[in-house]
Amino acid sequence: MNKSAIILFAHLPDFDARSKSLSYLSSKTATKKISAYLTKHFYNLSKKTTADTFLIDTYHQNGKTFGERISNAFSSIYDKGYENVICIGNDCPNLTLENLQNALVETEKGNVVLGPTKDGGTYLMGVPKKHFNKSTFETIGWQTKKTYQNLISLFKESKSPVFKTSILFDIDNGKDFSVYFKENILVKIFINIIKKLEPKITVYHTLSFLRLILSETLLFRGPPPAFSAL
């Protein structure tokens, strides 16, 4: 039996559309399609690694708080017999197959692996079973600007070895796409999705969006291309 597993921890598209907008036109339909595309992409990416992959979506997440839900997700996979578990979401377009496989290697060595996002969160967590404590994991300040630092503190306190990966950007709303202009192929796909859904106002909004992207990318340079190896 494989001893390593990847959890794709993500909301269903309908739920994503209720909580955030992934379209610069604030279109719920576009957000649903983009969310579905991202989930499918990262599920397929995870399947290419040497680990087994589990999608834990909205209906399979158990608990009242985010901390309870993600802790229960880890516990459920350990209970299946896995010793090393990595958890990712569907909101970090620059996460690559190489990133995932490298994280697996480090986790299998017995290291906790943490991937920080630019806004203080995490896009990847790899935790060997021997370093997982459900009760303390639940108490982390999840979905805040201090999540990554809270995790670092937690594992330092338990004297668990921590391997830190590169800082990447994640997507919380449509404006965040500006970070990936010319540096991530998914943005072009998402713009095409929006064009098909909003044909009457596409030209005006697309030009406005591209002007926004061009102005912001003079200040912010995203990470290297995400999917050059695919």
Protein backbone atom coordinates (compact mmCIF):
# COMPACT_ATOMS: atom_id res chain seq x y z
CA MET A 1 0.00 0.00 0.00
CA ASN A 2 1.14 3.52 -0.82
CA LYS A 3 2.03 5.38 2.39
CA SER A 4 1.65 8.91 0.99
CA ALA A 5 -1.49 10.80 0.02
CA ILE A 6 -2.48 14.23 -1.27
CA ILE A 7 -5.67 15.92 -0.14
CA LEU A 8 -7.25 18.43 -2.50
CA PHE A 9 -9.28 20.45 -0.01
CA ALA A 10 -11.68 22.65 -1.96
CA HIS A 11 -15.19 24.01 -2.06
CA LEU A 12 -17.61 22.96 -4.76
CA PRO A 13 -18.04 25.68 -7.44
CA ASP A 14 -21.49 26.71 -6.15
CA PHE A 15 -20.06 27.39 -2.70
CA ASP A 16 -17.04 29.26 -4.08
CA ALA A 17 -19.40 31.54 -6.01
CA ARG A 18 -21.21 32.45 -2.80
CA SER A 19 -18.09 33.46 -0.88
CA LYS A 20 -15.87 35.15 -3.47
CA SER A 21 -15.66 36.42 -7.03
CA LEU A 22 -12.99 35.01 -9.33
CA SER A 23 -14.17 37.17 -12.21
CA TYR A 24 -13.31 40.83 -12.69
CA LEU A 25 -16.94 41.23 -13.81
CA SER A 26 -18.18 39.82 -10.47
CA SER A 27 -19.96 37.05 -12.37
CA LYS A 28 -21.06 34.08 -10.24
CA THR A 29 -21.32 31.93 -13.35
CA ALA A 30 -17.73 32.76 -14.30
CA THR A 31 -16.56 32.08 -10.73
CA LYS A 32 -18.22 28.65 -10.81
CA LYS A 33 -16.55 27.74 -14.08
CA ILE A 34 -13.14 29.00 -12.98
CA SER A 35 -13.44 27.19 -9.63
CA ALA A 36 -14.39 23.94 -11.38
CA TYR A 37 -11.49 24.32 -13.81
CA LEU A 38 -9.00 24.91 -10.99
CA THR A 39 -10.24 21.93 -8.98
CA LYS A 40 -10.02 19.64 -12.01
CA HIS A 41 -6.56 20.96 -12.84
CA PHE A 42 -5.13 20.34 -9.36
CA TYR A 43 -6.82 16.96 -9.04
CA ASN A 44 -5.21 15.84 -12.31
CA LEU A 45 -1.87 17.36 -11.27
CA SER A 46 -1.94 15.46 -7.97
CA LYS A 47 -2.74 12.21 -9.78
CA LYS A 48 0.55 12.55 -11.67
CA THR A 49 2.58 12.30 -8.45
CA THR A 50 3.62 9.09 -6.71
CA ALA A 51 0.98 9.65 -3.98
CA ASP A 52 -2.68 8.66 -3.86
CA THR A 53 -5.10 11.57 -4.31
CA PHE A 54 -8.29 12.40 -2.42
CA LEU A 55 -10.67 15.23 -3.23
CA ILE A 56 -12.38 16.42 -0.06
CA ASP A 57 -15.02 18.87 -1.23
CA THR A 58 -17.65 20.89 0.59
CA TYR A 59 -19.99 17.96 1.23
CA HIS A 60 -17.19 15.78 2.59
CA GLN A 61 -15.69 18.36 4.95
CA ASN A 62 -16.77 17.66 8.53
CA GLY A 63 -16.78 20.30 11.27
CA LYS A 64 -18.19 23.69 12.18
CA THR A 65 -14.98 25.70 11.83
CA PHE A 66 -12.30 25.65 9.15
CA GLY A 67 -9.86 24.31 11.74
CA GLU A 68 -12.15 21.40 12.55
CA ARG A 69 -12.78 20.64 8.89
CA ILE A 70 -9.16 20.58 7.79
CA SER A 71 -8.05 18.67 10.91
CA ASN A 72 -10.74 16.07 10.26
CA ALA A 73 -9.61 15.83 6.65
CA PHE A 74 -6.05 14.96 7.72
CA SER A 75 -7.31 12.52 10.36
CA SER A 76 -9.56 10.71 7.88
CA ILE A 77 -6.62 10.04 5.55
CA TYR A 78 -4.32 8.89 8.37
CA ASP A 79 -7.12 6.54 9.44
CA LYS A 80 -6.94 4.92 6.01
CA GLY A 81 -3.39 3.84 6.77
CA TYR A 82 -1.37 6.66 5.20
CA GLU A 83 1.73 7.89 7.03
CA ASN A 84 2.43 11.05 5.03
CA VAL A 85 -0.27 13.52 4.02
CA ILE A 86 -0.03 16.67 1.92
CA CYS A 87 -2.92 19.09 1.67
CA ILE A 88 -3.43 21.69 -1.07
CA GLY A 89 -6.28 23.92 -2.19
CA ASN A 90 -7.39 24.95 -5.66
CA ASP A 91 -6.34 28.60 -5.48
CA CYS A 92 -2.59 28.68 -6.20
CA PRO A 93 -2.08 28.60 -10.00
CA ASN A 94 1.72 28.63 -9.76
CA LEU A 95 1.84 25.36 -7.84
CA THR A 96 3.57 22.83 -10.10
CA LEU A 97 3.97 19.09 -10.34
CA GLU A 98 7.61 19.54 -9.34
CA ASN A 99 6.53 21.47 -6.22
CA LEU A 100 4.19 18.65 -5.22
CA GLN A 101 6.66 15.86 -5.84
CA ASN A 102 9.43 17.66 -3.95
CA ALA A 103 7.05 18.20 -1.03
CA LEU A 104 6.25 14.49 -1.04
CA VAL A 105 9.94 13.59 -0.90
CA GLU A 106 10.51 15.87 2.09
CA THR A 107 7.40 14.64 3.90
CA GLU A 108 8.46 11.04 3.37
CA LYS A 109 11.81 11.94 4.97
CA GLY A 110 9.87 12.85 8.11
CA ASN A 111 9.80 16.62 7.61
CA VAL A 112 6.79 18.90 7.94
CA VAL A 113 6.50 20.85 4.68
CA LEU A 114 4.93 24.32 4.59
CA GLY A 115 4.36 26.46 1.51
CA PRO A 116 3.68 30.12 2.38
CA THR A 117 1.52 32.47 0.33
CA LYS A 118 2.32 36.13 -0.19
CA ASP A 119 -0.59 37.17 2.05
CA GLY A 120 0.51 35.11 5.07
CA GLY A 121 -1.45 31.93 4.41
CA THR A 122 -0.33 28.55 3.11
CA TYR A 123 -0.84 26.88 -0.27
CA LEU A 124 0.61 23.52 0.81
CA MET A 125 0.99 21.59 4.06
CA GLY A 126 2.78 18.26 4.29
CA VAL A 127 2.56 16.52 7.66
CA PRO A 128 3.87 13.06 8.56
CA LYS A 129 1.44 11.29 10.89
CA LYS A 130 3.95 11.26 13.74
CA HIS A 131 3.98 15.08 13.77
CA PHE A 132 0.21 15.56 13.61
CA ASN A 133 -1.73 16.60 16.71
CA LYS A 134 -5.40 17.08 15.86
CA SER A 135 -6.34 19.17 18.89
CA THR A 136 -3.56 21.73 18.44
CA PHE A 137 -3.94 21.76 14.65
CA GLU A 138 -7.55 22.88 15.05
CA THR A 139 -6.55 25.92 17.10
CA ILE A 140 -4.38 27.52 14.41
CA GLY A 141 -5.54 30.97 13.25
CA TRP A 142 -6.77 29.61 9.94
CA GLN A 143 -7.60 31.87 6.96
CA THR A 144 -5.74 34.85 8.40
CA LYS A 145 -2.54 36.72 7.60
CA LYS A 146 -0.88 34.85 10.45
CA THR A 147 -1.75 31.29 9.44
CA TYR A 148 1.73 30.46 8.14
CA GLN A 149 3.49 31.93 11.20
CA ASN A 150 1.06 30.13 13.51
CA LEU A 151 1.92 26.83 11.81
CA ILE A 152 5.65 27.53 12.06
CA SER A 153 5.26 28.24 15.77
CA LEU A 154 3.15 25.13 16.31
CA PHE A 155 5.66 22.76 14.76
CA LYS A 156 8.66 24.49 16.33
CA GLU A 157 7.03 24.08 19.72
CA SER A 158 6.56 20.37 19.09
CA LYS A 159 10.17 20.20 17.82
CA SER A 160 9.08 18.90 14.42
CA PRO A 161 11.55 19.48 11.56
CA VAL A 162 10.10 21.99 9.08
CA PHE A 163 10.96 22.31 5.40
CA LYS A 164 9.87 25.65 3.91
CA THR A 165 9.04 25.93 0.21
CA SER A 166 8.97 29.00 -2.02
CA ILE A 167 6.49 31.82 -1.44
CA LEU A 168 3.70 31.78 -4.03
CA PHE A 169 0.66 33.93 -4.70
CA ASP A 170 -2.85 32.57 -4.27
CA ILE A 171 -6.13 33.84 -5.72
CA ASP A 172 -8.79 35.31 -3.48
CA ASN A 173 -10.62 37.41 -6.08
CA GLY A 174 -10.60 38.45 -9.72
CA LYS A 175 -8.15 41.29 -9.16
CA ASP A 176 -5.52 38.80 -8.01
CA PHE A 177 -5.23 37.54 -11.59
CA SER A 178 -3.19 40.66 -12.36
CA VAL A 179 -0.25 39.07 -10.55
CA TYR A 180 -0.12 36.27 -13.14
CA PHE A 181 -0.24 38.34 -16.33
CA LYS A 182 1.99 36.78 -19.02
CA GLU A 183 3.33 34.42 -16.37
CA ASN A 184 0.51 31.92 -16.03
CA ILE A 185 -1.39 30.23 -18.83
CA LEU A 186 -4.48 29.80 -16.67
CA VAL A 187 -5.23 33.54 -16.77
CA LYS A 188 -5.71 33.42 -20.53
CA ILE A 189 -8.05 30.47 -20.09
CA PHE A 190 -10.06 32.31 -17.44
CA ILE A 191 -10.34 35.45 -19.58
CA ASN A 192 -11.70 33.29 -22.40
CA ILE A 193 -14.23 31.75 -20.01
CA ILE A 194 -15.42 35.22 -19.02
CA LYS A 195 -15.56 36.38 -22.64
CA LYS A 196 -17.91 33.55 -23.54
CA LEU A 197 -20.18 34.35 -20.61
CA GLU A 198 -20.28 38.13 -21.04
CA PRO A 199 -20.24 38.71 -24.84
CA LYS A 200 -21.94 42.11 -24.81
CA ILE A 201 -19.54 43.81 -22.42
CA THR A 202 -16.41 41.78 -22.97
CA VAL A 203 -14.48 44.29 -25.05
CA TYR A 204 -14.85 47.18 -22.62
CA HIS A 205 -14.17 45.17 -19.48
CA THR A 206 -11.37 43.09 -20.97
CA LEU A 207 -9.52 46.22 -22.06
CA SER A 208 -10.08 47.75 -18.61
CA PHE A 209 -8.87 44.56 -16.97
CA LEU A 210 -5.77 44.39 -19.15
CA ARG A 211 -4.98 48.04 -18.36
CA LEU A 212 -5.27 47.16 -14.66
CA ILE A 213 -2.99 44.17 -15.12
CA LEU A 214 -0.39 46.15 -17.05
CA SER A 215 -0.30 48.90 -14.46
CA GLU A 216 0.00 46.48 -11.54
CA THR A 217 2.58 44.19 -13.09
CA LEU A 218 4.96 47.13 -13.29
CA LEU A 219 4.95 46.95 -9.49
CA PHE A 220 4.40 43.24 -8.86
CA ARG A 221 6.27 40.47 -10.60
CA GLY A 222 4.81 37.02 -10.17
CA PRO A 223 6.75 33.77 -9.74
CA PRO A 224 8.14 31.83 -12.76
CA PRO A 225 5.72 30.13 -15.18
CA ALA A 226 3.67 27.49 -13.43
CA PHE A 227 3.03 24.88 -16.07
CA SER A 228 6.00 24.99 -18.43
CA ALA A 229 6.68 21.33 -17.74
CA LEU A 230 3.14 20.17 -18.58
